[in-house]
Amino acid sequence: MTMRRWLVDSMVALFAAVFTLVMLQQGGLGSQESAYRQLDVLGVTLTLASTLPLIFARRAPAAVYAITAVASLGLLVLDYPLDVPPGALIATYAMAETFGGASRGPRYAAWAGVMLFPALSIALMAVNHQARSMLSIAPGFAAWITMFLLVWVAGDRNRLRQERIAELEEHARLRELDIAAQRRLAAAQERTRIARELHDSAGHAINVILVQAGAARLLHERDPQRSRQAIETIEEVAQSTITDIDRLVRALREESGPVDPAPADTAALEQLVDRHRAGGLRVSTTFDGAPRGLPSGVAWAAYRILQEALTNAARHGSGTADVRMAYGSSEVEIEVSNPVGSVPQPGGGMGIVGMRERVALLDGTLEADTSGPDLFRLHARLPIAATEAAI
């Protein structure tokens, strides 16, 4: 028991004791029809026995009720003017709080024990006053039964209220835990996405640098101009990659650090094609549909898929690629085909695996296969409507 509950229960027990003593000293609550026994040492002792145990009513309600009930019956047997038994009533309240929600057996036993006290009390008063018929004790019997029934109902209602409060508190606690778990999951997913972006960005840059470094070495003497262009492309890609790595690593280190916004429209895709074209890849492009803004998830996926496809074309191909992009109202289509010398196996390789993961997150489709002995084709469909509805 907490100190606060201990003090409250002590005050209740003290109030019940004082109230009972005053009632017995005054000869009852109203005018008396017959003489009652005056308050004496025995009366004070029984009064204290019927009230002071209420301090422990929360910890042992059945035992406390039995003690207060027996002491109250003793007051009635000895003809003290106990018009109302405060100790037994308060103990009844504690019994209802404890056993009102118990299983059928203990609940019925507690209720029967509570109702037995007023029945015995009225019977004892009838014997003491030599009642000649049940009619004479009926009002008193009804009053006492009603009092104990009301107190039982009040205690049971308070039990239900306390259980409801505890249930709401538990629900709130579980909800807070669920929200915290969702936040941790969202943070983990975001950090995984950032790590994937870091892998894709660095992998793409290294592949471009390898291709351009090889071209610069081969063209160093035959075509110094193109060699310088290749070296400039290497410098540009390296600088851009350093910026991307700094941005992504900073986001990984900072728990709440937001990542810079993703490409937000189809113009970023066209700029990506131009960058590869400037790097020496001969790219033919077909654009269906007007340029438009894209949800961030679709924009990132489209950008990385196109980037990976063009990197594969530069690394494994003969230096050419055909790109078709369609900007529909409900989806974005990306199709890249290129002649190859060594074809990455469909479904294999970390690049294609990463593309499939991105497409799967958007409920899209991805086809990566060979269309003939020397042609690799990649076709991705990224739905827009479902993504916009989820954001």
Protein backbone atom coordinates (compact mmCIF):
# COMPACT_ATOMS: atom_id res chain seq x y z
CA MET A 1 0.00 0.00 0.00
CA THR A 2 1.18 3.49 -0.75
CA MET A 3 1.45 6.07 2.02
CA ARG A 4 -1.46 8.01 0.52
CA ARG A 5 -3.77 4.98 0.59
CA TRP A 6 -2.66 4.16 4.11
CA LEU A 7 -3.55 7.65 5.28
CA VAL A 8 -6.92 7.61 3.50
CA ASP A 9 -7.85 4.22 4.98
CA SER A 10 -6.75 5.38 8.42
CA MET A 11 -8.90 8.50 8.16
CA VAL A 12 -11.91 6.43 7.05
CA ALA A 13 -11.48 4.02 9.96
CA LEU A 14 -11.09 6.91 12.42
CA PHE A 15 -14.18 8.65 11.07
CA ALA A 16 -16.23 5.43 11.34
CA ALA A 17 -15.05 4.93 14.94
CA VAL A 18 -15.88 8.50 15.97
CA PHE A 19 -19.27 8.38 14.23
CA THR A 20 -20.19 5.09 15.94
CA LEU A 21 -19.08 6.30 19.36
CA VAL A 22 -21.09 9.51 19.03
CA MET A 23 -24.13 7.56 17.86
CA LEU A 24 -23.93 5.15 20.81
CA GLN A 25 -23.31 7.99 23.26
CA GLN A 26 -26.38 9.89 21.99
CA GLY A 27 -28.59 6.80 22.16
CA GLY A 28 -28.98 6.33 18.40
CA LEU A 29 -29.73 8.53 15.42
CA GLY A 30 -33.31 9.44 16.36
CA SER A 31 -35.84 9.25 19.19
CA GLN A 32 -35.79 5.86 20.87
CA GLU A 33 -38.94 3.94 21.84
CA SER A 34 -37.19 1.93 24.52
CA ALA A 35 -34.14 2.22 26.73
CA TYR A 36 -30.81 1.15 25.30
CA ARG A 37 -27.62 0.24 27.05
CA GLN A 38 -25.42 3.22 27.80
CA LEU A 39 -21.95 3.44 26.27
CA ASP A 40 -19.32 1.89 28.52
CA VAL A 41 -15.87 0.36 28.23
CA LEU A 42 -17.22 -2.78 26.61
CA GLY A 43 -19.18 -0.70 24.13
CA VAL A 44 -16.08 1.35 23.26
CA THR A 45 -14.05 -1.85 22.80
CA LEU A 46 -16.64 -3.39 20.46
CA THR A 47 -16.92 -0.09 18.59
CA LEU A 48 -13.19 0.05 17.99
CA ALA A 49 -13.20 -3.62 16.96
CA SER A 50 -15.94 -2.88 14.42
CA THR A 51 -14.16 0.09 12.86
CA LEU A 52 -10.37 0.17 13.31
CA PRO A 53 -9.75 -3.01 11.25
CA LEU A 54 -10.99 -0.98 8.25
CA ILE A 55 -7.40 0.25 7.93
CA PHE A 56 -6.60 -3.16 6.40
CA ALA A 57 -9.79 -3.50 4.33
CA ARG A 58 -7.94 -3.22 0.99
CA ARG A 59 -5.44 -5.94 1.91
CA ALA A 60 -7.75 -8.47 3.61
CA PRO A 61 -11.37 -7.49 2.87
CA ALA A 62 -12.94 -10.82 3.87
CA ALA A 63 -11.19 -10.99 7.25
CA VAL A 64 -11.92 -7.33 7.97
CA TYR A 65 -15.59 -7.78 7.07
CA ALA A 66 -15.87 -10.80 9.36
CA ILE A 67 -14.31 -8.90 12.29
CA THR A 68 -16.44 -5.78 11.83
CA ALA A 69 -19.61 -7.82 11.33
CA VAL A 70 -19.05 -9.93 14.47
CA ALA A 71 -18.21 -6.82 16.55
CA SER A 72 -21.32 -5.04 15.23
CA LEU A 73 -23.47 -8.08 16.07
CA GLY A 74 -21.98 -7.98 19.57
CA LEU A 75 -23.16 -4.37 19.94
CA LEU A 76 -26.65 -5.39 18.83
CA VAL A 77 -26.76 -8.45 21.12
CA LEU A 78 -25.78 -6.30 24.09
CA ASP A 79 -28.52 -3.82 23.15
CA TYR A 80 -26.37 -0.82 22.23
CA PRO A 81 -28.24 1.71 20.04
CA LEU A 82 -26.47 0.79 16.75
CA ASP A 83 -29.00 2.18 14.27
CA VAL A 84 -26.43 2.10 11.44
CA PRO A 85 -23.28 -0.10 11.37
CA PRO A 86 -20.60 2.11 9.67
CA GLY A 87 -17.85 -0.49 10.02
CA ALA A 88 -19.81 -3.28 8.35
CA LEU A 89 -21.04 -0.97 5.56
CA ILE A 90 -17.53 0.24 4.70
CA ALA A 91 -16.22 -3.34 4.84
CA THR A 92 -19.04 -4.30 2.45
CA TYR A 93 -17.80 -1.66 0.00
CA ALA A 94 -14.31 -3.20 0.15
CA MET A 95 -15.78 -6.68 -0.37
CA ALA A 96 -17.63 -5.51 -3.48
CA GLU A 97 -14.47 -3.91 -4.89
CA THR A 98 -12.50 -7.12 -4.36
CA PHE A 99 -14.98 -9.90 -5.12
CA GLY A 100 -17.41 -8.19 -7.49
CA GLY A 101 -15.28 -9.23 -10.48
CA ALA A 102 -14.21 -12.62 -9.12
CA SER A 103 -15.39 -15.97 -10.44
CA ARG A 104 -18.91 -17.14 -9.67
CA GLY A 105 -18.11 -19.12 -6.50
CA PRO A 106 -16.14 -16.49 -4.55
CA ARG A 107 -18.45 -13.71 -5.74
CA TYR A 108 -21.63 -15.49 -4.59
CA ALA A 109 -20.01 -16.48 -1.30
CA ALA A 110 -18.99 -12.88 -0.59
CA TRP A 111 -22.43 -11.57 -1.52
CA ALA A 112 -24.18 -14.17 0.68
CA GLY A 113 -21.90 -13.31 3.62
CA VAL A 114 -22.67 -9.62 3.23
CA MET A 115 -26.43 -10.20 3.07
CA LEU A 116 -26.32 -12.55 6.06
CA PHE A 117 -25.25 -9.76 8.40
CA PRO A 118 -28.33 -7.50 8.03
CA ALA A 119 -30.61 -10.54 8.29
CA LEU A 120 -29.02 -11.65 11.56
CA SER A 121 -28.96 -8.05 12.83
CA ILE A 122 -32.70 -7.56 12.31
CA ALA A 123 -33.41 -10.94 13.90
CA LEU A 124 -31.36 -10.02 16.97
CA MET A 125 -33.08 -6.65 17.29
CA ALA A 126 -36.46 -8.38 17.04
CA VAL A 127 -35.51 -10.80 19.81
CA ASN A 128 -34.17 -8.03 22.00
CA HIS A 129 -37.36 -6.01 21.65
CA GLN A 130 -39.66 -9.06 21.83
CA ALA A 131 -41.28 -8.34 18.46
CA ARG A 132 -44.59 -10.15 18.19
CA SER A 133 -44.74 -10.45 14.42
CA MET A 134 -42.56 -10.14 11.30
CA LEU A 135 -44.63 -7.10 10.32
CA SER A 136 -43.11 -5.06 13.12
CA ILE A 137 -39.52 -5.68 11.98
CA ALA A 138 -40.20 -5.52 8.23
CA PRO A 139 -39.35 -1.77 7.80
CA GLY A 140 -36.06 -2.11 9.64
CA PHE A 141 -35.18 -5.29 7.77
CA ALA A 142 -35.94 -3.63 4.38
CA ALA A 143 -33.90 -0.53 5.34
CA TRP A 144 -30.81 -2.51 6.32
CA ILE A 145 -31.00 -4.82 3.28
CA THR A 146 -31.36 -1.77 1.03
CA MET A 147 -28.37 -0.07 2.65
CA PHE A 148 -26.11 -3.05 2.15
CA LEU A 149 -27.32 -3.64 -1.40
CA LEU A 150 -26.65 -0.01 -2.36
CA VAL A 151 -23.18 -0.10 -0.78
CA TRP A 152 -22.40 -3.36 -2.65
CA VAL A 153 -23.52 -1.83 -5.95
CA ALA A 154 -21.46 1.31 -5.28
CA GLY A 155 -18.34 -0.75 -4.53
CA ASP A 156 -18.84 -2.90 -7.63
CA ARG A 157 -19.33 0.16 -9.81
CA ASN A 158 -16.13 1.67 -8.46
CA ARG A 159 -14.34 -1.60 -9.24
CA LEU A 160 -15.58 -1.43 -12.84
CA ARG A 161 -14.45 2.19 -13.10
CA GLN A 162 -10.98 1.35 -11.76
CA GLU A 163 -10.69 -1.58 -14.17
CA ARG A 164 -11.71 0.66 -17.05
CA ILE A 165 -9.13 3.26 -16.04
CA ALA A 166 -6.45 0.56 -15.79
CA GLU A 167 -7.49 -0.79 -19.18
CA LEU A 168 -7.26 2.66 -20.76
CA GLU A 169 -3.87 3.26 -19.16
CA GLU A 170 -2.61 -0.09 -20.45
CA HIS A 171 -4.02 0.68 -23.88
CA ALA A 172 -2.26 4.05 -23.87
CA ARG A 173 0.99 2.43 -22.76
CA LEU A 174 0.78 -0.21 -25.49
CA ARG A 175 -0.07 2.46 -28.02
CA GLU A 176 3.00 4.46 -27.01
CA LEU A 177 5.12 1.33 -27.33
CA ASP A 178 3.58 0.60 -30.74
CA ILE A 179 4.21 4.16 -31.93
CA ALA A 180 7.81 3.95 -30.68
CA ALA A 181 8.26 0.62 -32.47
CA GLN A 182 6.80 2.06 -35.67
CA ARG A 183 9.17 5.02 -35.42
CA ARG A 184 12.14 2.71 -34.93
CA LEU A 185 11.00 0.57 -37.86
CA ALA A 186 10.52 3.62 -40.06
CA ALA A 187 13.97 4.88 -39.06
CA ALA A 188 15.51 1.48 -39.83
CA GLN A 189 13.77 1.36 -43.20
CA GLU A 190 14.92 4.88 -44.00
CA ARG A 191 18.49 4.07 -43.05
CA THR A 192 18.33 0.93 -45.22
CA ARG A 193 17.09 3.04 -48.10
CA ILE A 194 19.89 5.52 -47.53
CA ALA A 195 22.44 2.70 -47.49
CA ARG A 196 21.02 1.43 -50.78
CA GLU A 197 21.28 4.91 -52.26
CA LEU A 198 24.89 5.08 -51.11
CA HIS A 199 25.65 1.72 -52.72
CA ASP A 200 23.93 2.67 -55.97
CA SER A 201 25.54 6.10 -56.16
CA ALA A 202 29.05 4.85 -55.41
CA GLY A 203 28.70 1.79 -57.64
CA HIS A 204 27.43 3.87 -60.54
CA ALA A 205 30.24 6.40 -60.12
CA ILE A 206 32.97 3.75 -59.95
CA ASN A 207 31.66 2.07 -63.09
CA VAL A 208 31.57 5.36 -64.97
CA ILE A 209 35.05 6.25 -63.76
CA LEU A 210 36.37 2.84 -64.86
CA VAL A 211 34.89 3.24 -68.34
CA GLN A 212 36.09 6.81 -68.74
CA ALA A 213 39.55 6.03 -67.33
CA GLY A 214 39.91 3.22 -69.85
CA ALA A 215 38.78 5.50 -72.68
CA ALA A 216 41.20 8.24 -71.58
CA ARG A 217 44.08 5.76 -71.52
CA LEU A 218 43.27 4.40 -74.98
CA LEU A 219 42.67 7.83 -76.53
CA HIS A 220 45.55 9.62 -74.83
CA GLU A 221 47.72 9.62 -77.95
CA ARG A 222 45.20 9.05 -80.78
CA ASP A 223 42.59 11.64 -79.74
CA PRO A 224 43.82 13.97 -76.96
CA GLN A 225 40.58 16.02 -77.12
CA ARG A 226 38.35 13.04 -76.33
CA SER A 227 40.85 11.88 -73.75
CA ARG A 228 40.56 15.23 -71.97
CA GLN A 229 36.74 14.96 -72.16
CA ALA A 230 36.92 11.54 -70.51
CA ILE A 231 39.14 12.91 -67.75
CA GLU A 232 36.76 15.86 -67.22
CA THR A 233 33.86 13.38 -66.95
CA ILE A 234 35.83 11.43 -64.36
CA GLU A 235 36.41 14.61 -62.38
CA GLU A 236 32.75 15.62 -62.60
CA VAL A 237 31.47 12.20 -61.59
CA ALA A 238 33.96 11.93 -58.72
CA GLN A 239 32.97 15.37 -57.39
CA SER A 240 29.27 14.53 -57.64
CA THR A 241 29.82 11.19 -55.93
CA ILE A 242 31.74 12.79 -53.07
CA THR A 243 28.81 15.15 -52.54
CA ASP A 244 26.33 12.25 -52.57
CA ILE A 245 28.42 10.20 -50.16
CA ASP A 246 28.78 13.14 -47.76
CA ARG A 247 25.04 13.73 -47.86
CA LEU A 248 24.09 10.09 -47.33
CA VAL A 249 26.67 9.34 -44.66
CA ARG A 250 25.58 12.45 -42.75
CA ALA A 251 22.00 11.17 -42.87
CA LEU A 252 23.11 7.76 -41.60
CA ARG A 253 25.00 9.30 -38.69
CA GLU A 254 22.18 11.62 -37.62
CA GLU A 255 19.14 9.79 -36.26
CA SER A 256 16.72 12.55 -37.21
CA GLY A 257 18.71 14.05 -40.05
CA PRO A 258 16.52 14.20 -43.18
CA VAL A 259 17.92 13.19 -46.54
CA ASP A 260 18.04 15.81 -49.24
CA PRO A 261 14.96 15.72 -51.46
CA ALA A 262 14.92 13.19 -54.30
CA PRO A 263 14.55 14.08 -57.97
CA ALA A 264 11.01 15.36 -58.15
CA ASP A 265 10.17 15.26 -61.87
CA THR A 266 10.92 13.63 -65.21
CA ALA A 267 13.44 16.36 -66.07
CA ALA A 268 15.93 14.65 -63.74
CA LEU A 269 15.70 11.49 -65.87
CA GLU A 270 16.44 13.42 -69.04
CA GLN A 271 19.36 15.18 -67.37
CA LEU A 272 20.73 11.79 -66.35
CA VAL A 273 20.62 10.64 -69.98
CA ASP A 274 22.40 13.83 -71.08
CA ARG A 275 25.10 13.26 -68.48
CA HIS A 276 25.80 9.76 -69.76
CA ARG A 277 25.74 11.02 -73.31
CA ALA A 278 28.32 13.64 -72.37
CA GLY A 279 30.38 10.87 -70.80
CA GLY A 280 30.72 9.15 -74.16
CA LEU A 281 27.77 6.75 -74.22
CA ARG A 282 25.84 7.04 -77.47
CA VAL A 283 22.23 7.17 -76.35
CA SER A 284 19.17 7.40 -78.56
CA THR A 285 16.09 8.52 -76.66
CA THR A 286 12.34 8.45 -77.14
CA PHE A 287 10.08 10.34 -74.74
CA ASP A 288 6.34 9.64 -74.71
CA GLY A 289 4.22 12.11 -72.80
CA ALA A 290 4.83 15.56 -71.42
CA PRO A 291 7.32 16.10 -68.57
CA ARG A 292 5.62 16.00 -65.17
CA GLY A 293 6.25 15.92 -61.45
CA LEU A 294 6.59 12.54 -59.73
CA PRO A 295 6.06 11.26 -56.20
CA SER A 296 9.38 10.97 -54.37
CA GLY A 297 9.32 7.16 -54.26
CA VAL A 298 8.70 6.87 -58.00
CA ALA A 299 11.26 9.60 -58.76
CA TRP A 300 14.02 7.87 -56.80
CA ALA A 301 13.22 4.43 -58.22
CA ALA A 302 13.06 5.70 -61.82
CA TYR A 303 16.28 7.66 -61.44
CA ARG A 304 18.25 4.77 -59.93
CA ILE A 305 16.88 2.18 -62.37
CA LEU A 306 17.76 4.33 -65.37
CA GLN A 307 21.16 5.11 -63.86
CA GLU A 308 21.92 1.42 -63.29
CA ALA A 309 20.73 0.47 -66.77
CA LEU A 310 22.91 3.11 -68.48
CA THR A 311 25.88 2.16 -66.32
CA ASN A 312 25.47 -1.48 -67.39
CA ALA A 313 25.22 -0.35 -71.02
CA ALA A 314 28.48 1.57 -70.70
CA ARG A 315 30.25 -1.17 -68.80
CA HIS A 316 29.09 -4.31 -70.58
CA GLY A 317 27.98 -2.95 -73.94
CA SER A 318 29.50 -1.58 -77.08
CA GLY A 319 28.97 2.05 -76.11
CA THR A 320 25.40 2.49 -77.36
CA ALA A 321 21.98 2.30 -75.75
CA ASP A 322 18.37 2.90 -76.77
CA VAL A 323 16.20 4.53 -74.13
CA ARG A 324 12.43 4.90 -74.19
CA MET A 325 10.59 6.65 -71.38
CA ALA A 326 6.83 7.02 -71.21
CA TYR A 327 5.21 9.43 -68.74
CA GLY A 328 1.63 8.25 -68.36
CA SER A 329 -1.05 9.44 -65.97
CA SER A 330 -0.89 6.27 -63.91
CA GLU A 331 2.64 4.94 -64.43
CA VAL A 332 6.16 5.65 -65.64
CA GLU A 333 7.76 3.24 -68.10
CA ILE A 334 11.48 2.91 -68.62
CA GLU A 335 12.92 0.72 -71.36
CA VAL A 336 16.64 0.44 -72.03
CA SER A 337 18.21 -1.90 -74.58
CA ASN A 338 21.82 -2.16 -75.61
CA PRO A 339 24.17 -4.51 -77.45
CA VAL A 340 26.38 -6.38 -75.02
CA GLY A 341 29.51 -8.45 -74.96
CA SER A 342 28.86 -10.02 -71.52
CA VAL A 343 25.26 -10.04 -70.40
CA PRO A 344 24.39 -9.80 -66.71
CA GLN A 345 22.16 -12.72 -65.83
CA PRO A 346 18.50 -11.75 -65.39
CA GLY A 347 17.71 -11.68 -61.69
CA GLY A 348 21.40 -11.86 -60.84
CA GLY A 349 23.90 -9.21 -59.89
CA MET A 350 23.42 -6.68 -57.12
CA GLY A 351 22.39 -3.98 -59.59
CA ILE A 352 19.43 -5.90 -60.97
CA VAL A 353 18.54 -7.19 -57.48
CA GLY A 354 18.41 -3.60 -56.24
CA MET A 355 16.21 -2.59 -59.19
CA ARG A 356 13.81 -5.44 -58.47
CA GLU A 357 13.56 -4.37 -54.81
CA ARG A 358 12.74 -0.80 -55.78
CA VAL A 359 10.09 -1.90 -58.25
CA ALA A 360 8.57 -4.37 -55.78
CA LEU A 361 8.18 -1.63 -53.15
CA LEU A 362 6.05 0.32 -55.64
CA ASP A 363 4.04 -2.74 -56.79
CA GLY A 364 5.52 -2.35 -60.25
CA THR A 365 7.06 -4.81 -62.70
CA LEU A 366 10.59 -5.29 -63.99
CA GLU A 367 11.76 -7.41 -66.91
CA ALA A 368 15.47 -7.92 -67.54
CA ASP A 369 16.43 -10.42 -70.22
CA THR A 370 18.23 -10.97 -73.51
CA SER A 371 16.31 -10.29 -76.71
CA GLY A 372 18.55 -12.20 -79.08
CA PRO A 373 22.14 -13.36 -78.72
CA ASP A 374 23.74 -9.93 -78.33
CA LEU A 375 21.04 -7.63 -76.96
CA PHE A 376 20.14 -6.90 -73.36
CA ARG A 377 16.76 -5.34 -72.60
CA LEU A 378 15.41 -3.88 -69.38
CA HIS A 379 11.79 -2.80 -69.03
CA ALA A 380 10.33 -1.28 -65.83
CA ARG A 381 6.80 -0.12 -65.03
CA LEU A 382 6.36 2.09 -61.95
CA PRO A 383 2.75 2.84 -60.94
CA ILE A 384 2.04 6.41 -59.81
CA ALA A 385 -1.56 6.36 -58.56
CA ALA A 386 -0.95 3.83 -55.75
CA THR A 387 2.14 5.70 -54.62
CA GLU A 388 0.34 9.05 -54.47
CA ALA A 389 -2.47 7.46 -52.47
CA ALA A 390 0.01 6.05 -49.97
CA ILE A 391 1.83 9.36 -49.40
